[in-house]
Structures are given as structure tokens and as C-alpha cells.
Amino acid sequence: MTSLLLHEYAASGNCYKIRLTAAHAGVALERREYDIMAGATRTAEFLSQVNPNGRIPVLQAGPDFLPESNAACFYVADGTHLIPSDRFERADMLRWMFWEQYNHEPNIAMVRFWKGWVGFENLDDLQRANLPAKQAGGEAALALMDEHLERRDWFVIDRLTLADVALYAYTHVAEEGGFSLQPYPNVRAWLARVAALPRHISITD
């Protein structure tokens, strides 16, 4: 595989999921850290050379740049055990990855960021007004996950796939945003299964 460089902010779950994918896939990653709180991804250099959307993570494969965390995970994992070979199961994996970015991450990750990095006292009026809806959306996402996991150990097939990796990233730090995982025993058991896998790495590694 072409040498890979991850442009990232390490505490971000979206960046962590790419590192976790690489760990399980046995793929080497170089890493380059950006201070998003200091506006490092909004500089003219970053916008012109890395991502004109001004966001991380961005996976660089040789001269090519791939923004969007789940697309980067798919690139890293392509051809490995993390992606099912069956056509329907592969599509089901993608379904959960799309759901993670549409229903899960915008709520759980955003509340974590607002509370842990921005600070409640620094939120603007619109953010404060949106906070209850974000919290409710996060709880709904956790409840749906818990219901799904009542009947199975993993999200798609009988082993870890990219769906589990994508959902693990922000779920395991949901309590940093004030979400309690106590009402979700199946989610907690699944988190423990993921963390117990031999190639697992933590968000701080």
C-alpha cells in the first residue's frame, strides 16, 4: 500500500477511528497533528494543500488526499477482514457507517465537543438553543444501538467490521459529553468486546 499520512487532531473520534482501523488492519500510519482550537485547519496553506473544506481528518495516500473519516477507514481496510465479502453484509456495514455520521456523530460528538472543548459558558445562543435537541438525539442513537445489540454481539456479522469501529469511536467517550451509558447494558458489553480485541488501541495511544 502507498505510504499513508493522517492529518488529524488526536482527541477527535473521527480521527481515532482511522487509527483504530489501521491497527486492526495491520496498516502503518504516519500522523500529523493540527490544533483545531487555534484554527490550524483554517489557514491558507491547509485549505489549499490539504482540504479546502477546512476539516480533519484527512488521509493522505502518496500525493492524494481523502477527507471524510469513514471514507478513509474504508480505504485503509479495503481487502481486509474488516469488510465483509458478502454483498448484502458489506452494504449493511455501510448503512451503519452512514447512520453514524448522520444520526450518531452530529449529536454525541458535538455535545462532547461543546462541553469538553468549547465550554458551556462559551456557547453562543444558537448552540445553547440546539443543545437539548443534540442531547436527545444522542440518547436516541444510544437506545437504537442498545436495542440492535440485544440480539447480537457485533453490528453486522459475527465479528468486528468497520461498522463497529466507526460506532465505537465516539460511543466509548460519550460520557465526556454528559451521556450516561448505564441505561444501555448491551452497548456497554459491546464496548468491552471491542476493547478486548488483540489489536485494539486507545484514543490516547
N, C-alpha and C. Protein backbone atom coordinates (compact mmCIF):
# COMPACT_ATOMS: atom_id res chain seq x y z
N MET A 1 0.83 -1.19 0.00
CA MET A 1 0.00 0.00 0.00
C MET A 1 0.87 1.25 0.00
N THR A 2 0.40 2.28 -0.67
CA THR A 2 1.08 3.57 -0.67
C THR A 2 1.25 4.06 0.76
N SER A 3 2.35 4.74 1.06
CA SER A 3 2.56 5.28 2.40
C SER A 3 1.43 6.22 2.77
N LEU A 4 0.97 6.11 4.01
CA LEU A 4 -0.20 6.85 4.46
C LEU A 4 0.17 7.85 5.55
N LEU A 5 -0.38 9.04 5.42
CA LEU A 5 -0.19 10.10 6.41
C LEU A 5 -1.56 10.58 6.85
N LEU A 6 -1.80 10.55 8.15
CA LEU A 6 -3.08 11.00 8.69
C LEU A 6 -2.94 12.42 9.23
N HIS A 7 -3.63 13.35 8.63
CA HIS A 7 -3.72 14.72 9.13
C HIS A 7 -4.86 14.72 10.16
N GLU A 8 -4.55 15.04 11.41
CA GLU A 8 -5.53 14.77 12.46
C GLU A 8 -5.43 15.72 13.65
N TYR A 9 -6.46 15.62 14.49
CA TYR A 9 -6.47 16.15 15.85
C TYR A 9 -6.75 14.92 16.71
N ALA A 10 -5.77 14.45 17.46
CA ALA A 10 -5.80 13.11 18.04
C ALA A 10 -7.01 12.84 18.93
N ALA A 11 -7.52 13.86 19.61
CA ALA A 11 -8.65 13.66 20.53
C ALA A 11 -9.97 13.49 19.81
N SER A 12 -9.99 13.75 18.53
CA SER A 12 -11.21 13.60 17.74
C SER A 12 -11.53 12.13 17.51
N GLY A 13 -12.78 11.75 17.76
CA GLY A 13 -13.20 10.39 17.47
C GLY A 13 -13.12 10.06 16.00
N ASN A 14 -13.39 11.03 15.14
CA ASN A 14 -13.30 10.80 13.70
C ASN A 14 -11.87 10.48 13.27
N CYS A 15 -10.91 11.09 13.92
CA CYS A 15 -9.50 10.78 13.62
C CYS A 15 -9.11 9.43 14.25
N TYR A 16 -9.58 9.21 15.47
CA TYR A 16 -9.27 7.96 16.16
C TYR A 16 -9.76 6.75 15.40
N LYS A 17 -10.93 6.83 14.79
CA LYS A 17 -11.46 5.65 14.10
C LYS A 17 -10.55 5.21 12.95
N ILE A 18 -9.86 6.15 12.32
CA ILE A 18 -8.92 5.78 11.25
C ILE A 18 -7.70 5.09 11.84
N ARG A 19 -7.19 5.58 12.96
CA ARG A 19 -6.07 4.93 13.62
C ARG A 19 -6.47 3.53 14.10
N LEU A 20 -7.70 3.40 14.63
CA LEU A 20 -8.17 2.10 15.11
C LEU A 20 -8.34 1.13 13.95
N THR A 21 -8.85 1.62 12.83
CA THR A 21 -8.96 0.78 11.64
C THR A 21 -7.58 0.29 11.21
N ALA A 22 -6.62 1.19 11.15
CA ALA A 22 -5.27 0.83 10.74
C ALA A 22 -4.66 -0.20 11.68
N ALA A 23 -4.91 -0.05 12.98
CA ALA A 23 -4.38 -1.01 13.95
C ALA A 23 -4.94 -2.40 13.69
N HIS A 24 -6.24 -2.50 13.47
CA HIS A 24 -6.86 -3.81 13.23
C HIS A 24 -6.48 -4.37 11.87
N ALA A 25 -6.22 -3.50 10.92
CA ALA A 25 -5.86 -3.95 9.57
C ALA A 25 -4.36 -4.23 9.43
N GLY A 26 -3.59 -3.85 10.43
CA GLY A 26 -2.14 -4.03 10.36
C GLY A 26 -1.48 -3.10 9.37
N VAL A 27 -2.02 -1.89 9.25
CA VAL A 27 -1.52 -0.91 8.29
C VAL A 27 -0.80 0.21 9.04
N ALA A 28 0.37 0.58 8.58
CA ALA A 28 1.15 1.64 9.22
C ALA A 28 0.64 3.01 8.80
N LEU A 29 0.58 3.92 9.77
CA LEU A 29 0.16 5.29 9.53
C LEU A 29 1.18 6.26 10.10
N GLU A 30 1.57 7.24 9.32
CA GLU A 30 2.24 8.40 9.89
C GLU A 30 1.16 9.37 10.35
N ARG A 31 1.50 10.25 11.29
CA ARG A 31 0.49 11.16 11.84
C ARG A 31 1.02 12.59 11.87
N ARG A 32 0.14 13.53 11.56
CA ARG A 32 0.48 14.95 11.65
C ARG A 32 -0.64 15.65 12.40
N GLU A 33 -0.31 16.26 13.52
CA GLU A 33 -1.31 16.85 14.42
C GLU A 33 -1.56 18.32 14.07
N TYR A 34 -2.83 18.72 14.18
CA TYR A 34 -3.23 20.11 13.97
C TYR A 34 -4.03 20.57 15.18
N ASP A 35 -3.76 21.78 15.64
CA ASP A 35 -4.51 22.34 16.76
C ASP A 35 -5.76 23.02 16.21
N ILE A 36 -6.88 22.31 16.25
CA ILE A 36 -8.10 22.87 15.67
C ILE A 36 -8.62 24.05 16.48
N MET A 37 -8.30 24.08 17.78
CA MET A 37 -8.76 25.19 18.62
C MET A 37 -8.02 26.47 18.29
N ALA A 38 -6.85 26.34 17.68
CA ALA A 38 -6.07 27.51 17.28
C ALA A 38 -6.28 27.86 15.81
N GLY A 39 -7.20 27.14 15.16
CA GLY A 39 -7.51 27.45 13.77
C GLY A 39 -6.52 26.90 12.76
N ALA A 40 -5.79 25.84 13.13
CA ALA A 40 -4.75 25.32 12.25
C ALA A 40 -5.29 24.74 10.95
N THR A 41 -6.56 24.36 10.93
CA THR A 41 -7.12 23.80 9.69
C THR A 41 -7.84 24.87 8.86
N ARG A 42 -7.70 26.11 9.27
CA ARG A 42 -8.34 27.21 8.54
C ARG A 42 -7.32 28.12 7.87
N THR A 43 -6.07 27.73 7.93
CA THR A 43 -5.02 28.56 7.32
C THR A 43 -5.08 28.42 5.80
N ALA A 44 -4.53 29.39 5.12
CA ALA A 44 -4.50 29.35 3.66
C ALA A 44 -3.73 28.13 3.17
N GLU A 45 -2.65 27.77 3.88
CA GLU A 45 -1.85 26.62 3.48
C GLU A 45 -2.66 25.33 3.58
N PHE A 46 -3.36 25.14 4.71
CA PHE A 46 -4.14 23.92 4.88
C PHE A 46 -5.26 23.85 3.85
N LEU A 47 -5.95 24.95 3.66
CA LEU A 47 -7.08 24.97 2.73
C LEU A 47 -6.65 24.71 1.29
N SER A 48 -5.47 25.15 0.94
CA SER A 48 -5.01 24.98 -0.44
C SER A 48 -4.31 23.65 -0.66
N GLN A 49 -3.69 23.10 0.39
CA GLN A 49 -2.86 21.91 0.19
C GLN A 49 -3.44 20.62 0.77
N VAL A 50 -4.34 20.72 1.76
CA VAL A 50 -4.83 19.51 2.43
C VAL A 50 -6.32 19.30 2.21
N ASN A 51 -7.13 20.26 2.62
CA ASN A 51 -8.59 20.10 2.48
C ASN A 51 -9.25 21.46 2.38
N PRO A 52 -9.81 21.80 1.24
CA PRO A 52 -10.47 23.10 1.08
C PRO A 52 -11.70 23.26 1.96
N ASN A 53 -12.18 22.14 2.52
CA ASN A 53 -13.31 22.20 3.45
C ASN A 53 -12.86 22.59 4.85
N GLY A 54 -11.56 22.66 5.09
CA GLY A 54 -11.05 23.14 6.37
C GLY A 54 -11.30 22.22 7.54
N ARG A 55 -11.36 20.91 7.28
CA ARG A 55 -11.66 19.97 8.36
C ARG A 55 -10.70 18.80 8.33
N ILE A 56 -10.56 18.18 9.49
CA ILE A 56 -9.82 16.92 9.61
C ILE A 56 -10.76 15.88 10.20
N PRO A 57 -10.46 14.61 10.01
CA PRO A 57 -9.25 14.03 9.45
C PRO A 57 -9.20 14.08 7.94
N VAL A 58 -7.97 14.01 7.45
CA VAL A 58 -7.70 13.81 6.02
C VAL A 58 -6.63 12.74 5.93
N LEU A 59 -6.90 11.71 5.16
CA LEU A 59 -5.91 10.67 4.93
C LEU A 59 -5.18 10.97 3.63
N GLN A 60 -3.86 11.07 3.73
CA GLN A 60 -3.04 11.31 2.54
C GLN A 60 -2.39 10.01 2.12
N ALA A 61 -2.67 9.59 0.89
CA ALA A 61 -2.07 8.39 0.31
C ALA A 61 -1.16 8.82 -0.82
N GLY A 62 0.12 8.91 -0.54
CA GLY A 62 1.05 9.46 -1.52
C GLY A 62 0.66 10.90 -1.83
N PRO A 63 0.40 11.24 -3.09
CA PRO A 63 0.04 12.61 -3.44
C PRO A 63 -1.47 12.89 -3.33
N ASP A 64 -2.24 11.87 -2.99
CA ASP A 64 -3.70 12.01 -2.97
C ASP A 64 -4.23 12.23 -1.57
N PHE A 65 -5.28 13.07 -1.47
CA PHE A 65 -5.85 13.43 -0.19
C PHE A 65 -7.31 12.96 -0.12
N LEU A 66 -7.66 12.28 0.97
CA LEU A 66 -9.01 11.72 1.14
C LEU A 66 -9.62 12.24 2.43
N PRO A 67 -10.47 13.27 2.36
CA PRO A 67 -11.19 13.71 3.55
C PRO A 67 -12.33 12.75 3.88
N GLU A 68 -12.99 13.01 5.00
CA GLU A 68 -14.14 12.23 5.50
C GLU A 68 -13.65 10.93 6.13
N SER A 69 -13.92 10.82 7.42
CA SER A 69 -13.35 9.74 8.23
C SER A 69 -13.75 8.35 7.75
N ASN A 70 -15.02 8.14 7.45
CA ASN A 70 -15.44 6.78 7.10
C ASN A 70 -14.94 6.37 5.72
N ALA A 71 -14.79 7.33 4.81
CA ALA A 71 -14.17 7.02 3.52
C ALA A 71 -12.71 6.61 3.73
N ALA A 72 -12.02 7.31 4.62
CA ALA A 72 -10.63 6.96 4.92
C ALA A 72 -10.53 5.59 5.56
N CYS A 73 -11.47 5.27 6.47
CA CYS A 73 -11.48 3.94 7.08
C CYS A 73 -11.65 2.86 6.02
N PHE A 74 -12.55 3.09 5.08
CA PHE A 74 -12.80 2.11 4.02
C PHE A 74 -11.55 1.92 3.18
N TYR A 75 -10.86 2.99 2.87
CA TYR A 75 -9.63 2.89 2.07
C TYR A 75 -8.59 2.05 2.80
N VAL A 76 -8.41 2.32 4.09
CA VAL A 76 -7.41 1.60 4.87
C VAL A 76 -7.76 0.12 4.99
N ALA A 77 -9.04 -0.17 5.15
CA ALA A 77 -9.48 -1.54 5.42
C ALA A 77 -9.78 -2.35 4.17
N ASP A 78 -9.78 -1.74 3.02
CA ASP A 78 -10.15 -2.44 1.79
C ASP A 78 -9.30 -3.70 1.61
N GLY A 79 -9.99 -4.84 1.40
CA GLY A 79 -9.28 -6.10 1.22
C GLY A 79 -8.95 -6.83 2.51
N THR A 80 -9.39 -6.33 3.66
CA THR A 80 -9.10 -6.98 4.93
C THR A 80 -10.37 -7.59 5.52
N HIS A 81 -10.21 -8.26 6.66
CA HIS A 81 -11.32 -8.91 7.36
C HIS A 81 -12.33 -7.91 7.91
N LEU A 82 -12.00 -6.63 7.92
CA LEU A 82 -12.91 -5.62 8.47
C LEU A 82 -14.08 -5.31 7.54
N ILE A 83 -13.99 -5.74 6.30
CA ILE A 83 -15.06 -5.50 5.32
C ILE A 83 -15.61 -6.85 4.87
N PRO A 84 -16.89 -7.11 5.11
CA PRO A 84 -17.46 -8.40 4.72
C PRO A 84 -17.38 -8.64 3.21
N SER A 85 -17.24 -9.90 2.84
CA SER A 85 -17.18 -10.24 1.42
C SER A 85 -18.56 -10.36 0.80
N ASP A 86 -19.56 -10.70 1.62
CA ASP A 86 -20.92 -10.82 1.12
C ASP A 86 -21.48 -9.45 0.72
N ARG A 87 -22.16 -9.40 -0.40
CA ARG A 87 -22.63 -8.12 -0.94
C ARG A 87 -23.60 -7.42 0.02
N PHE A 88 -24.59 -8.15 0.53
CA PHE A 88 -25.54 -7.53 1.44
C PHE A 88 -24.88 -7.11 2.75
N GLU A 89 -24.05 -7.96 3.30
CA GLU A 89 -23.38 -7.64 4.56
C GLU A 89 -22.48 -6.42 4.42
N ARG A 90 -21.83 -6.30 3.27
CA ARG A 90 -20.99 -5.13 3.02
C ARG A 90 -21.85 -3.86 2.96
N ALA A 91 -23.00 -3.96 2.30
CA ALA A 91 -23.90 -2.81 2.25
C ALA A 91 -24.47 -2.48 3.63
N ASP A 92 -24.73 -3.51 4.43
CA ASP A 92 -25.24 -3.28 5.78
C ASP A 92 -24.19 -2.59 6.64
N MET A 93 -22.95 -2.96 6.46
CA MET A 93 -21.85 -2.27 7.13
C MET A 93 -21.85 -0.77 6.78
N LEU A 94 -21.99 -0.49 5.48
CA LEU A 94 -22.02 0.90 5.04
C LEU A 94 -23.24 1.62 5.60
N ARG A 95 -24.35 0.90 5.71
CA ARG A 95 -25.56 1.51 6.30
C ARG A 95 -25.28 2.04 7.70
N TRP A 96 -24.62 1.24 8.52
CA TRP A 96 -24.31 1.69 9.87
C TRP A 96 -23.28 2.82 9.86
N MET A 97 -22.36 2.81 8.94
CA MET A 97 -21.37 3.88 8.85
C MET A 97 -22.02 5.19 8.41
N PHE A 98 -22.98 5.12 7.49
CA PHE A 98 -23.71 6.32 7.10
C PHE A 98 -24.56 6.83 8.26
N TRP A 99 -25.19 5.90 8.96
CA TRP A 99 -26.02 6.27 10.11
C TRP A 99 -25.17 6.94 11.21
N GLU A 100 -23.98 6.42 11.39
CA GLU A 100 -23.08 7.01 12.40
C GLU A 100 -22.81 8.48 12.11
N GLN A 101 -22.59 8.81 10.86
CA GLN A 101 -22.28 10.19 10.51
C GLN A 101 -23.51 11.08 10.45
N TYR A 102 -24.68 10.48 10.30
CA TYR A 102 -25.90 11.28 10.15
C TYR A 102 -26.69 11.41 11.45
N ASN A 103 -26.73 10.34 12.25
CA ASN A 103 -27.56 10.34 13.46
C ASN A 103 -26.76 10.30 14.76
N HIS A 104 -25.60 9.70 14.72
CA HIS A 104 -24.82 9.47 15.94
C HIS A 104 -23.80 10.58 16.19
N GLU A 105 -22.87 10.72 15.27
CA GLU A 105 -21.77 11.69 15.44
C GLU A 105 -22.25 13.14 15.58
N PRO A 106 -23.23 13.61 14.80
CA PRO A 106 -23.64 15.01 14.94
C PRO A 106 -24.23 15.35 16.31
N ASN A 107 -24.65 14.33 17.04
CA ASN A 107 -25.21 14.56 18.36
C ASN A 107 -24.21 14.26 19.47
N ILE A 108 -23.75 13.04 19.55
CA ILE A 108 -22.84 12.65 20.64
C ILE A 108 -21.51 13.38 20.55
N ALA A 109 -20.94 13.44 19.36
CA ALA A 109 -19.64 14.11 19.22
C ALA A 109 -19.76 15.61 19.43
N MET A 110 -20.84 16.21 18.93
CA MET A 110 -20.99 17.65 19.06
C MET A 110 -21.17 18.07 20.51
N VAL A 111 -21.98 17.33 21.25
CA VAL A 111 -22.17 17.66 22.67
C VAL A 111 -20.86 17.48 23.42
N ARG A 112 -20.11 16.43 23.12
CA ARG A 112 -18.80 16.24 23.74
C ARG A 112 -17.88 17.41 23.45
N PHE A 113 -17.87 17.87 22.21
CA PHE A 113 -17.01 18.99 21.84
C PHE A 113 -17.46 20.28 22.53
N TRP A 114 -18.75 20.55 22.52
CA TRP A 114 -19.25 21.77 23.16
C TRP A 114 -18.94 21.80 24.64
N LYS A 115 -19.11 20.67 25.31
CA LYS A 115 -18.91 20.65 26.77
C LYS A 115 -17.44 20.51 27.14
N GLY A 116 -16.70 19.72 26.39
CA GLY A 116 -15.33 19.43 26.78
C GLY A 116 -14.29 20.38 26.23
N TRP A 117 -14.58 21.02 25.11
CA TRP A 117 -13.58 21.89 24.48
C TRP A 117 -14.03 23.35 24.45
N VAL A 118 -15.24 23.59 24.00
CA VAL A 118 -15.73 24.98 23.93
C VAL A 118 -16.10 25.48 25.31
N GLY A 119 -16.81 24.66 26.08
CA GLY A 119 -17.28 25.06 27.40
C GLY A 119 -18.67 25.65 27.32
N PHE A 120 -19.56 25.21 28.21
CA PHE A 120 -20.95 25.65 28.14
C PHE A 120 -21.06 27.17 28.21
N GLU A 121 -20.22 27.78 29.03
CA GLU A 121 -20.28 29.23 29.20
C GLU A 121 -19.88 29.98 27.94
N ASN A 122 -19.20 29.30 27.02
CA ASN A 122 -18.74 29.95 25.79
C ASN A 122 -19.63 29.66 24.58
N LEU A 123 -20.67 28.87 24.77
CA LEU A 123 -21.57 28.57 23.66
C LEU A 123 -22.36 29.81 23.27
N ASP A 124 -22.60 29.96 21.97
CA ASP A 124 -23.42 31.09 21.54
C ASP A 124 -24.90 30.74 21.71
N ASP A 125 -25.76 31.69 21.45
CA ASP A 125 -27.19 31.49 21.69
C ASP A 125 -27.76 30.34 20.87
N LEU A 126 -27.32 30.22 19.62
CA LEU A 126 -27.83 29.16 18.77
C LEU A 126 -27.38 27.79 19.28
N GLN A 127 -26.13 27.68 19.70
CA GLN A 127 -25.63 26.42 20.23
C GLN A 127 -26.38 26.03 21.51
N ARG A 128 -26.62 27.00 22.37
CA ARG A 128 -27.37 26.71 23.61
C ARG A 128 -28.79 26.27 23.29
N ALA A 129 -29.38 26.88 22.30
CA ALA A 129 -30.74 26.52 21.91
C ALA A 129 -30.79 25.12 21.32
N ASN A 130 -29.72 24.73 20.63
CA ASN A 130 -29.69 23.41 19.98
C ASN A 130 -29.25 22.29 20.91
N LEU A 131 -28.69 22.63 22.06
CA LEU A 131 -28.12 21.61 22.94
C LEU A 131 -29.14 20.56 23.38
N PRO A 132 -30.36 20.92 23.83
CA PRO A 132 -31.31 19.88 24.23
C PRO A 132 -31.64 18.90 23.11
N ALA A 133 -31.78 19.40 21.89
CA ALA A 133 -32.08 18.52 20.76
C ALA A 133 -30.89 17.60 20.47
N LYS A 134 -29.68 18.12 20.59
CA LYS A 134 -28.49 17.30 20.38
C LYS A 134 -28.41 16.20 21.45
N GLN A 135 -28.70 16.56 22.68
CA GLN A 135 -28.68 15.57 23.76
C GLN A 135 -29.74 14.50 23.53
N ALA A 136 -30.92 14.91 23.14
CA ALA A 136 -31.99 13.95 22.86
C ALA A 136 -31.63 13.05 21.69
N GLY A 137 -31.02 13.61 20.66
CA GLY A 137 -30.59 12.82 19.52
C GLY A 137 -29.53 11.81 19.89
N GLY A 138 -28.64 12.19 20.77
CA GLY A 138 -27.61 11.26 21.23
C GLY A 138 -28.21 10.11 22.02
N GLU A 139 -29.15 10.41 22.89
CA GLU A 139 -29.81 9.36 23.66
C GLU A 139 -30.57 8.41 22.74
N ALA A 140 -31.22 8.96 21.72
CA ALA A 140 -31.95 8.12 20.77
C ALA A 140 -31.01 7.20 20.02
N ALA A 141 -29.83 7.71 19.65
CA ALA A 141 -28.85 6.89 18.95
C ALA A 141 -28.36 5.75 19.84
N LEU A 142 -28.06 6.05 21.10
CA LEU A 142 -27.60 5.02 22.02
C LEU A 142 -28.68 3.97 22.26
N ALA A 143 -29.92 4.41 22.36
CA ALA A 143 -31.03 3.48 22.57
C ALA A 143 -31.20 2.55 21.38
N LEU A 144 -31.08 3.08 20.17
CA LEU A 144 -31.20 2.25 18.98
C LEU A 144 -30.07 1.22 18.92
N MET A 145 -28.86 1.65 19.24
CA MET A 145 -27.73 0.74 19.27
C MET A 145 -27.95 -0.37 20.29
N ASP A 146 -28.43 0.00 21.47
CA ASP A 146 -28.64 -0.97 22.52
C ASP A 146 -29.68 -2.01 22.11
N GLU A 147 -30.73 -1.56 21.47
CA GLU A 147 -31.77 -2.48 21.00
C GLU A 147 -31.21 -3.44 19.95
N HIS A 148 -30.42 -2.91 19.03
CA HIS A 148 -29.83 -3.75 17.98
C HIS A 148 -28.90 -4.80 18.59
N LEU A 149 -28.12 -4.41 19.59
CA LEU A 149 -27.13 -5.30 20.19
C LEU A 149 -27.74 -6.29 21.17
N GLU A 150 -29.01 -6.17 21.44
CA GLU A 150 -29.68 -7.14 22.31
C GLU A 150 -29.70 -8.53 21.68
N ARG A 151 -29.64 -8.58 20.37
CA ARG A 151 -29.77 -9.84 19.64
C ARG A 151 -28.46 -10.30 19.02
N ARG A 152 -27.38 -9.55 19.23
CA ARG A 152 -26.13 -9.90 18.55
C ARG A 152 -24.95 -9.27 19.29
N ASP A 153 -23.75 -9.78 19.04
CA ASP A 153 -22.55 -9.26 19.69
C ASP A 153 -21.89 -8.13 18.91
N TRP A 154 -22.08 -8.12 17.58
CA TRP A 154 -21.47 -7.14 16.70
C TRP A 154 -22.53 -6.55 15.79
N PHE A 155 -22.24 -5.46 15.13
CA PHE A 155 -23.30 -4.75 14.42
C PHE A 155 -23.74 -5.41 13.12
N VAL A 156 -22.86 -6.09 12.42
CA VAL A 156 -23.22 -6.60 11.10
C VAL A 156 -23.12 -8.12 11.01
N ILE A 157 -21.96 -8.67 11.29
CA ILE A 157 -21.74 -10.11 11.23
C ILE A 157 -21.19 -10.56 12.57
N ASP A 158 -20.68 -11.78 12.64
CA ASP A 158 -20.25 -12.33 13.93
C ASP A 158 -18.83 -11.96 14.29
N ARG A 159 -18.37 -10.83 13.81
CA ARG A 159 -17.04 -10.33 14.17
C ARG A 159 -17.00 -8.82 13.93
N LEU A 160 -15.90 -8.22 14.33
CA LEU A 160 -15.69 -6.78 14.14
C LEU A 160 -15.66 -6.43 12.66
N THR A 161 -16.38 -5.38 12.29
CA THR A 161 -16.28 -4.79 10.96
C THR A 161 -16.08 -3.28 11.12
N LEU A 162 -15.98 -2.60 10.00
CA LEU A 162 -15.84 -1.14 10.05
C LEU A 162 -17.04 -0.48 10.71
N ALA A 163 -18.21 -1.11 10.67
CA ALA A 163 -19.37 -0.54 11.35
C ALA A 163 -19.10 -0.42 12.84
N ASP A 164 -18.52 -1.46 13.43
CA ASP A 164 -18.19 -1.42 14.86
C ASP A 164 -17.12 -0.38 15.15
N VAL A 165 -16.11 -0.30 14.30
CA VAL A 165 -15.04 0.67 14.50
C VAL A 165 -15.60 2.09 14.47
N ALA A 166 -16.42 2.37 13.45
CA ALA A 166 -16.97 3.72 13.30
C ALA A 166 -17.82 4.11 14.49
N LEU A 167 -18.63 3.18 14.98
CA LEU A 167 -19.53 3.49 16.09
C LEU A 167 -18.81 3.50 17.44
N TYR A 168 -17.76 2.74 17.55
CA TYR A 168 -17.01 2.70 18.81
C TYR A 168 -16.37 4.05 19.12
N ALA A 169 -15.87 4.72 18.10
CA ALA A 169 -15.02 5.89 18.29
C ALA A 169 -15.63 6.94 19.21
N TYR A 170 -16.86 7.35 18.94
CA TYR A 170 -17.49 8.36 19.78
C TYR A 170 -18.36 7.77 20.89
N THR A 171 -18.82 6.52 20.72
CA THR A 171 -19.63 5.93 21.78
C THR A 171 -18.82 5.73 23.05
N HIS A 172 -17.58 5.31 22.92
CA HIS A 172 -16.81 4.99 24.12
C HIS A 172 -16.39 6.24 24.90
N VAL A 173 -16.52 7.41 24.30
CA VAL A 173 -16.24 8.65 25.03
C VAL A 173 -17.51 9.48 25.20
N ALA A 174 -18.66 8.87 25.03
CA ALA A 174 -19.93 9.61 25.13
C ALA A 174 -20.11 10.24 26.50
N GLU A 175 -19.59 9.59 27.54
CA GLU A 175 -19.76 10.14 28.89
C GLU A 175 -19.01 11.46 29.07
N GLU A 176 -18.01 11.73 28.22
CA GLU A 176 -17.32 13.02 28.27
C GLU A 176 -18.26 14.15 27.85
N GLY A 177 -19.33 13.82 27.16
CA GLY A 177 -20.34 14.81 26.79
C GLY A 177 -21.55 14.81 27.71
N GLY A 178 -21.46 14.04 28.79
CA GLY A 178 -22.56 14.00 29.75
C GLY A 178 -23.58 12.91 29.49
N PHE A 179 -23.34 12.04 28.52
CA PHE A 179 -24.25 10.93 28.26
C PHE A 179 -23.91 9.77 29.20
N SER A 180 -24.88 9.27 29.93
CA SER A 180 -24.66 8.09 30.76
C SER A 180 -24.87 6.83 29.94
N LEU A 181 -23.95 5.89 30.06
CA LEU A 181 -24.09 4.61 29.38
C LEU A 181 -24.75 3.55 30.26
N GLN A 182 -25.06 3.90 31.50
CA GLN A 182 -25.67 2.93 32.39
C GLN A 182 -27.00 2.37 31.88
N PRO A 183 -27.84 3.16 31.22
CA PRO A 183 -29.11 2.59 30.73
C PRO A 183 -28.95 1.67 29.53
N TYR A 184 -27.73 1.49 29.05
CA TYR A 184 -27.52 0.75 27.80
C TYR A 184 -26.56 -0.42 28.03
N PRO A 185 -27.02 -1.48 28.68
CA PRO A 185 -26.11 -2.60 29.02
C PRO A 185 -25.54 -3.31 27.81
N ASN A 186 -26.30 -3.38 26.73
CA ASN A 186 -25.79 -4.07 25.54
C ASN A 186 -24.69 -3.26 24.87
N VAL A 187 -24.82 -1.95 24.90
CA VAL A 187 -23.77 -1.08 24.37
C VAL A 187 -22.51 -1.22 25.21
N ARG A 188 -22.68 -1.25 26.53
CA ARG A 188 -21.51 -1.37 27.41
C ARG A 188 -20.79 -2.70 27.20
N ALA A 189 -21.55 -3.77 27.02
CA ALA A 189 -20.93 -5.08 26.78
C ALA A 189 -20.20 -5.09 25.44
N TRP A 190 -20.80 -4.46 24.45
CA TRP A 190 -20.15 -4.38 23.12
C TRP A 190 -18.86 -3.56 23.19
N LEU A 191 -18.90 -2.43 23.90
CA LEU A 191 -17.69 -1.63 24.06
C LEU A 191 -16.56 -2.46 24.69
N ALA A 192 -16.91 -3.26 25.67
CA ALA A 192 -15.91 -4.10 26.31
C ALA A 192 -15.35 -5.15 25.34
N ARG A 193 -16.22 -5.70 24.49
CA ARG A 193 -15.75 -6.67 23.50
C ARG A 193 -14.76 -6.04 22.53
N VAL A 194 -15.09 -4.83 22.07
CA VAL A 194 -14.18 -4.14 21.14
C VAL A 194 -12.83 -3.88 21.82
N ALA A 195 -12.87 -3.37 23.04
CA ALA A 195 -11.64 -3.01 23.74
C ALA A 195 -10.78 -4.21 24.08
N ALA A 196 -11.39 -5.40 24.12
CA ALA A 196 -10.65 -6.61 24.48
C ALA A 196 -9.97 -7.27 23.29
N LEU A 197 -10.23 -6.80 22.08
CA LEU A 197 -9.64 -7.41 20.90
C LEU A 197 -8.11 -7.21 20.89
N PRO A 198 -7.37 -8.17 20.37
CA PRO A 198 -5.90 -8.15 20.48
C PRO A 198 -5.23 -6.91 19.90
N ARG A 199 -5.74 -6.38 18.81
CA ARG A 199 -5.05 -5.25 18.18
C ARG A 199 -5.63 -3.89 18.58
N HIS A 200 -6.46 -3.89 19.57
CA HIS A 200 -7.12 -2.64 19.96
C HIS A 200 -6.10 -1.61 20.46
N ILE A 201 -6.35 -0.37 20.11
CA ILE A 201 -5.58 0.75 20.66
C ILE A 201 -6.57 1.76 21.23
N SER A 202 -6.13 2.53 22.23
CA SER A 202 -7.00 3.52 22.83
C SER A 202 -6.89 4.84 22.09
N ILE A 203 -7.80 5.75 22.38
CA ILE A 203 -7.82 7.06 21.71
C ILE A 203 -6.59 7.88 22.09
N THR A 204 -5.96 7.54 23.21
CA THR A 204 -4.78 8.30 23.65
C THR A 204 -3.47 7.68 23.19
N ASP A 205 -3.53 6.52 22.53
CA ASP A 205 -2.29 5.88 22.04
C ASP A 205 -1.69 6.66 20.87
